[in-house]
Amino acid sequence: MDAWIELFSTTYGVLSIVTILSVIVLMAWFLRYFLTKIDESDREEKQRQKLGQKQSPQGRPSGQA
């Protein structure tokens, strides 16, 4: 019980809570961001295959660096 009181009543306790919550929010944002990018990439790849375009050996469409 003393640990909870110390956690919420001291500066370093509150900063710890803020840090932990920030890490959780950033983790969720990055997860959503990367999953969205993966989904976009898959859709673009399927579109390219449907149109019959070939990819360069590096896995990129021709014309891109």
PDB file of N, CA and C in Angstrom:
ATOM      1  N   MET A   1       0.827  -1.196   0.000  1.00  0.00           N
ATOM      2  CA  MET A   1       0.000   0.000   0.000  1.00  0.00           C
ATOM      3  C   MET A   1       0.868   1.256   0.000  1.00  0.00           C
ATOM      4  N   ASP A   2       1.970   1.224   0.715  1.00  0.00           N
ATOM      5  CA  ASP A   2       2.858   2.387   0.741  1.00  0.00           C
ATOM      6  C   ASP A   2       3.446   2.675  -0.638  1.00  0.00           C
ATOM      7  N   ALA A   3       3.664   1.619  -1.414  1.00  0.00           N
ATOM      8  CA  ALA A   3       4.223   1.814  -2.754  1.00  0.00           C
ATOM      9  C   ALA A   3       3.246   2.589  -3.639  1.00  0.00           C
ATOM     10  N   TRP A   4       1.954   2.274  -3.541  1.00  0.00           N
ATOM     11  CA  TRP A   4       0.957   2.994  -4.339  1.00  0.00           C
ATOM     12  C   TRP A   4       0.895   4.465  -3.938  1.00  0.00           C
ATOM     13  N   ILE A   5       0.942   4.724  -2.652  1.00  0.00           N
ATOM     14  CA  ILE A   5       0.912   6.111  -2.171  1.00  0.00           C
ATOM     15  C   ILE A   5       2.135   6.865  -2.679  1.00  0.00           C
ATOM     16  N   GLU A   6       3.292   6.221  -2.597  1.00  0.00           N
ATOM     17  CA  GLU A   6       4.521   6.853  -3.076  1.00  0.00           C
ATOM     18  C   GLU A   6       4.479   7.064  -4.593  1.00  0.00           C
ATOM     19  N   LEU A   7       3.910   6.105  -5.300  1.00  0.00           N
ATOM     20  CA  LEU A   7       3.836   6.204  -6.756  1.00  0.00           C
ATOM     21  C   LEU A   7       3.022   7.419  -7.190  1.00  0.00           C
ATOM     22  N   PHE A   8       1.894   7.664  -6.536  1.00  0.00           N
ATOM     23  CA  PHE A   8       1.013   8.754  -6.952  1.00  0.00           C
ATOM     24  C   PHE A   8       1.287  10.083  -6.252  1.00  0.00           C
ATOM     25  N   SER A   9       2.116  10.096  -5.229  1.00  0.00           N
ATOM     26  CA  SER A   9       2.311  11.338  -4.481  1.00  0.00           C
ATOM     27  C   SER A   9       3.692  11.960  -4.666  1.00  0.00           C
ATOM     28  N   THR A  10       4.604  11.275  -5.313  1.00  0.00           N
ATOM     29  CA  THR A  10       5.937  11.846  -5.516  1.00  0.00           C
ATOM     30  C   THR A  10       6.140  12.218  -6.982  1.00  0.00           C
ATOM     31  N   THR A  11       7.075  13.118  -7.184  1.00  0.00           N
ATOM     32  CA  THR A  11       7.375  13.561  -8.548  1.00  0.00           C
ATOM     33  C   THR A  11       7.881  12.412  -9.395  1.00  0.00           C
ATOM     34  N   TYR A  12       8.798  11.634  -8.864  1.00  0.00           N
ATOM     35  CA  TYR A  12       9.360  10.529  -9.646  1.00  0.00           C
ATOM     36  C   TYR A  12       8.333   9.425  -9.877  1.00  0.00           C
ATOM     37  N   GLY A  13       7.378   9.282  -8.989  1.00  0.00           N
ATOM     38  CA  GLY A  13       6.318   8.309  -9.204  1.00  0.00           C
ATOM     39  C   GLY A  13       5.395   8.719 -10.339  1.00  0.00           C
ATOM     40  N   VAL A  14       5.003   9.989 -10.337  1.00  0.00           N
ATOM     41  CA  VAL A  14       4.125  10.496 -11.393  1.00  0.00           C
ATOM     42  C   VAL A  14       4.853  10.468 -12.735  1.00  0.00           C
ATOM     43  N   LEU A  15       6.134  10.834 -12.753  1.00  0.00           N
ATOM     44  CA  LEU A  15       6.902  10.773 -13.994  1.00  0.00           C
ATOM     45  C   LEU A  15       7.034   9.336 -14.489  1.00  0.00           C
ATOM     46  N   SER A  16       7.126   8.391 -13.584  1.00  0.00           N
ATOM     47  CA  SER A  16       7.172   6.982 -13.983  1.00  0.00           C
ATOM     48  C   SER A  16       5.867   6.569 -14.653  1.00  0.00           C
ATOM     49  N   ILE A  17       4.757   6.989 -14.090  1.00  0.00           N
ATOM     50  CA  ILE A  17       3.450   6.672 -14.678  1.00  0.00           C
ATOM     51  C   ILE A  17       3.332   7.297 -16.067  1.00  0.00           C
ATOM     52  N   VAL A  18       3.738   8.560 -16.195  1.00  0.00           N
ATOM     53  CA  VAL A  18       3.682   9.245 -17.487  1.00  0.00           C
ATOM     54  C   VAL A  18       4.552   8.524 -18.508  1.00  0.00           C
ATOM     55  N   THR A  19       5.737   8.098 -18.102  1.00  0.00           N
ATOM     56  CA  THR A  19       6.641   7.391 -19.009  1.00  0.00           C
ATOM     57  C   THR A  19       6.043   6.066 -19.458  1.00  0.00           C
ATOM     58  N   ILE A  20       5.505   5.309 -18.534  1.00  0.00           N
ATOM     59  CA  ILE A  20       4.911   4.010 -18.868  1.00  0.00           C
ATOM     60  C   ILE A  20       3.725   4.189 -19.811  1.00  0.00           C
ATOM     61  N   LEU A  21       2.871   5.155 -19.533  1.00  0.00           N
ATOM     62  CA  LEU A  21       1.721   5.409 -20.405  1.00  0.00           C
ATOM     63  C   LEU A  21       2.165   5.891 -21.784  1.00  0.00           C
ATOM     64  N   SER A  22       3.198   6.716 -21.832  1.00  0.00           N
ATOM     65  CA  SER A  22       3.715   7.185 -23.122  1.00  0.00           C
ATOM     66  C   SER A  22       4.242   6.033 -23.958  1.00  0.00           C
ATOM     67  N   VAL A  23       4.951   5.117 -23.334  1.00  0.00           N
ATOM     68  CA  VAL A  23       5.484   3.959 -24.050  1.00  0.00           C
ATOM     69  C   VAL A  23       4.347   3.100 -24.594  1.00  0.00           C
ATOM     70  N   ILE A  24       3.304   2.906 -23.819  1.00  0.00           N
ATOM     71  CA  ILE A  24       2.164   2.100 -24.260  1.00  0.00           C
ATOM     72  C   ILE A  24       1.454   2.774 -25.439  1.00  0.00           C
ATOM     73  N   VAL A  25       1.255   4.096 -25.353  1.00  0.00           N
ATOM     74  CA  VAL A  25       0.598   4.820 -26.447  1.00  0.00           C
ATOM     75  C   VAL A  25       1.448   4.766 -27.712  1.00  0.00           C
ATOM     76  N   LEU A  26       2.752   4.983 -27.585  1.00  0.00           N
ATOM     77  CA  LEU A  26       3.634   4.916 -28.751  1.00  0.00           C
ATOM     78  C   LEU A  26       3.663   3.521 -29.354  1.00  0.00           C
ATOM     79  N   MET A  27       3.651   2.506 -28.518  1.00  0.00           N
ATOM     80  CA  MET A  27       3.645   1.131 -29.007  1.00  0.00           C
ATOM     81  C   MET A  27       2.377   0.875 -29.837  1.00  0.00           C
ATOM     82  N   ALA A  28       1.239   1.329 -29.347  1.00  0.00           N
ATOM     83  CA  ALA A  28      -0.018   1.142 -30.073  1.00  0.00           C
ATOM     84  C   ALA A  28       0.002   1.915 -31.387  1.00  0.00           C
ATOM     85  N   TRP A  29       0.535   3.145 -31.363  1.00  0.00           N
ATOM     86  CA  TRP A  29       0.587   3.949 -32.577  1.00  0.00           C
ATOM     87  C   TRP A  29       1.486   3.303 -33.621  1.00  0.00           C
ATOM     88  N   PHE A  30       2.681   2.853 -33.213  1.00  0.00           N
ATOM     89  CA  PHE A  30       3.597   2.206 -34.156  1.00  0.00           C
ATOM     90  C   PHE A  30       2.998   0.914 -34.704  1.00  0.00           C
ATOM     91  N   LEU A  31       2.333   0.146 -33.869  1.00  0.00           N
ATOM     92  CA  LEU A  31       1.700  -1.086 -34.329  1.00  0.00           C
ATOM     93  C   LEU A  31       0.669  -0.777 -35.413  1.00  0.00           C
ATOM     94  N   ARG A  32      -0.182   0.187 -35.150  1.00  0.00           N
ATOM     95  CA  ARG A  32      -1.201   0.578 -36.133  1.00  0.00           C
ATOM     96  C   ARG A  32      -0.553   1.116 -37.405  1.00  0.00           C
ATOM     97  N   TYR A  33       0.473   1.949 -37.264  1.00  0.00           N
ATOM     98  CA  TYR A  33       1.159   2.538 -38.412  1.00  0.00           C
ATOM     99  C   TYR A  33       1.785   1.463 -39.288  1.00  0.00           C
ATOM    100  N   PHE A  34       2.533   0.539 -38.674  1.00  0.00           N
ATOM    101  CA  PHE A  34       3.207  -0.493 -39.451  1.00  0.00           C
ATOM    102  C   PHE A  34       2.216  -1.462 -40.090  1.00  0.00           C
ATOM    103  N   LEU A  35       1.162  -1.820 -39.382  1.00  0.00           N
ATOM    104  CA  LEU A  35       0.163  -2.706 -39.970  1.00  0.00           C
ATOM    105  C   LEU A  35      -0.541  -2.041 -41.151  1.00  0.00           C
ATOM    106  N   THR A  36      -0.788  -0.734 -41.053  1.00  0.00           N
ATOM    107  CA  THR A  36      -1.392   0.000 -42.161  1.00  0.00           C
ATOM    108  C   THR A  36      -0.467   0.012 -43.367  1.00  0.00           C
ATOM    109  N   LYS A  37       0.832   0.265 -43.131  1.00  0.00           N
ATOM    110  CA  LYS A  37       1.800   0.285 -44.234  1.00  0.00           C
ATOM    111  C   LYS A  37       1.934  -1.090 -44.877  1.00  0.00           C
ATOM    112  N   ILE A  38       1.923  -2.140 -44.086  1.00  0.00           N
ATOM    113  CA  ILE A  38       2.003  -3.500 -44.624  1.00  0.00           C
ATOM    114  C   ILE A  38       0.781  -3.784 -45.488  1.00  0.00           C
ATOM    115  N   ASP A  39      -0.385  -3.376 -45.011  1.00  0.00           N
ATOM    116  CA  ASP A  39      -1.626  -3.582 -45.756  1.00  0.00           C
ATOM    117  C   ASP A  39      -1.606  -2.813 -47.077  1.00  0.00           C
ATOM    118  N   GLU A  40      -1.129  -1.567 -47.045  1.00  0.00           N
ATOM    119  CA  GLU A  40      -1.028  -0.772 -48.274  1.00  0.00           C
ATOM    120  C   GLU A  40      -0.080  -1.431 -49.263  1.00  0.00           C
ATOM    121  N   SER A  41       1.038  -1.927 -48.758  1.00  0.00           N
ATOM    122  CA  SER A  41       2.023  -2.574 -49.618  1.00  0.00           C
ATOM    123  C   SER A  41       1.429  -3.818 -50.274  1.00  0.00           C
ATOM    124  N   ASP A  42       0.687  -4.596 -49.508  1.00  0.00           N
ATOM    125  CA  ASP A  42       0.050  -5.796 -50.059  1.00  0.00           C
ATOM    126  C   ASP A  42      -0.963  -5.434 -51.145  1.00  0.00           C
ATOM    127  N   ARG A  43      -1.757  -4.385 -50.894  1.00  0.00           N
ATOM    128  CA  ARG A  43      -2.739  -3.958 -51.893  1.00  0.00           C
ATOM    129  C   ARG A  43      -2.061  -3.476 -53.175  1.00  0.00           C
ATOM    130  N   GLU A  44      -0.987  -2.706 -53.022  1.00  0.00           N
ATOM    131  CA  GLU A  44      -0.258  -2.232 -54.207  1.00  0.00           C
ATOM    132  C   GLU A  44       0.347  -3.396 -54.978  1.00  0.00           C
ATOM    133  N   GLU A  45       0.877  -4.380 -54.269  1.00  0.00           N
ATOM    134  CA  GLU A  45       1.471  -5.551 -54.921  1.00  0.00           C
ATOM    135  C   GLU A  45       0.413  -6.330 -55.696  1.00  0.00           C
ATOM    136  N   LYS A  46      -0.751  -6.507 -55.109  1.00  0.00           N
ATOM    137  CA  LYS A  46      -1.829  -7.217 -55.802  1.00  0.00           C
ATOM    138  C   LYS A  46      -2.288  -6.446 -57.032  1.00  0.00           C
ATOM    139  N   GLN A  47      -2.329  -5.115 -56.923  1.00  0.00           N
ATOM    140  CA  GLN A  47      -2.711  -4.295 -58.069  1.00  0.00           C
ATOM    141  C   GLN A  47      -1.686  -4.430 -59.189  1.00  0.00           C
ATOM    142  N   ARG A  48      -0.399  -4.402 -58.830  1.00  0.00           N
ATOM    143  CA  ARG A  48       0.657  -4.550 -59.829  1.00  0.00           C
ATOM    144  C   ARG A  48       0.568  -5.900 -60.520  1.00  0.00           C
ATOM    145  N   GLN A  49       0.319  -6.943 -59.743  1.00  0.00           N
ATOM    146  CA  GLN A  49       0.222  -8.283 -60.322  1.00  0.00           C
ATOM    147  C   GLN A  49      -0.994  -8.380 -61.239  1.00  0.00           C
ATOM    148  N   LYS A  50      -2.064  -7.716 -60.854  1.00  0.00           N
ATOM    149  CA  LYS A  50      -3.278  -7.738 -61.673  1.00  0.00           C
ATOM    150  C   LYS A  50      -3.034  -7.039 -63.011  1.00  0.00           C
ATOM    151  N   LEU A  51      -2.232  -5.977 -62.997  1.00  0.00           N
ATOM    152  CA  LEU A  51      -1.938  -5.240 -64.222  1.00  0.00           C
ATOM    153  C   LEU A  51      -0.824  -5.889 -65.030  1.00  0.00           C
ATOM    154  N   GLY A  52      -0.151  -6.866 -64.461  1.00  0.00           N
ATOM    155  CA  GLY A  52       0.888  -7.584 -65.177  1.00  0.00           C
ATOM    156  C   GLY A  52       2.232  -6.892 -65.192  1.00  0.00           C
ATOM    157  N   GLN A  53       2.460  -5.975 -64.269  1.00  0.00           N
ATOM    158  CA  GLN A  53       3.750  -5.303 -64.200  1.00  0.00           C
ATOM    159  C   GLN A  53       4.749  -6.193 -63.498  1.00  0.00           C
ATOM    160  N   LYS A  54       5.980  -6.148 -63.974  1.00  0.00           N
ATOM    161  CA  LYS A  54       7.030  -6.943 -63.347  1.00  0.00           C
ATOM    162  C   LYS A  54       7.814  -6.068 -62.388  1.00  0.00           C
ATOM    163  N   GLN A  55       8.393  -6.718 -61.369  1.00  0.00           N
ATOM    164  CA  GLN A  55       9.209  -6.009 -60.404  1.00  0.00           C
ATOM    165  C   GLN A  55      10.675  -6.168 -60.745  1.00  0.00           C
ATOM    166  N   SER A  56      11.462  -5.192 -60.293  1.00  0.00           N
ATOM    167  CA  SER A  56      12.904  -5.294 -60.449  1.00  0.00           C
ATOM    168  C   SER A  56      13.439  -6.321 -59.457  1.00  0.00           C
ATOM    169  N   PRO A  57      14.676  -6.793 -59.615  1.00  0.00           N
ATOM    170  CA  PRO A  57      15.217  -7.826 -58.726  1.00  0.00           C
ATOM    171  C   PRO A  57      15.280  -7.424 -57.253  1.00  0.00           C
ATOM    172  N   GLN A  58      15.328  -6.124 -56.951  1.00  0.00           N
ATOM    173  CA  GLN A  58      15.401  -5.693 -55.556  1.00  0.00           C
ATOM    174  C   GLN A  58      14.035  -5.717 -54.880  1.00  0.00           C
ATOM    175  N   GLY A  59      13.004  -6.074 -55.593  1.00  0.00           N
ATOM    176  CA  GLY A  59      11.673  -6.122 -55.000  1.00  0.00           C
ATOM    177  C   GLY A  59      10.929  -4.810 -55.118  1.00  0.00           C
ATOM    178  N   ARG A  60      11.509  -3.859 -55.876  1.00  0.00           N
ATOM    179  CA  ARG A  60      10.861  -2.570 -56.053  1.00  0.00           C
ATOM    180  C   ARG A  60      10.335  -2.477 -57.483  1.00  0.00           C
ATOM    181  N   PRO A  61       9.282  -1.733 -57.689  1.00  0.00           N
ATOM    182  CA  PRO A  61       8.814  -1.538 -59.055  1.00  0.00           C
ATOM    183  C   PRO A  61       9.879  -0.802 -59.864  1.00  0.00           C
ATOM    184  N   SER A  62       9.966  -1.092 -61.130  1.00  0.00           N
ATOM    185  CA  SER A  62      10.969  -0.426 -61.954  1.00  0.00           C
ATOM    186  C   SER A  62      10.691   1.070 -61.988  1.00  0.00           C
ATOM    187  N   GLY A  63      11.778   1.852 -61.969  1.00  0.00           N
ATOM    188  CA  GLY A  63      11.647   3.301 -61.973  1.00  0.00           C
ATOM    189  C   GLY A  63      11.763   3.923 -60.603  1.00  0.00           C
ATOM    190  N   GLN A  64      11.804   3.126 -59.555  1.00  0.00           N
ATOM    191  CA  GLN A  64      11.972   3.654 -58.206  1.00  0.00           C
ATOM    192  C   GLN A  64      13.348   3.297 -57.689  1.00  0.00           C
ATOM    193  N   ALA A  65      13.924   4.210 -56.917  1.00  0.00           N
ATOM    194  CA  ALA A  65      15.262   3.974 -56.361  1.00  0.00           C
ATOM    195  C   ALA A  65      15.194   3.155 -55.103  1.00  0.00           C
TER     196      ALA A  65
END
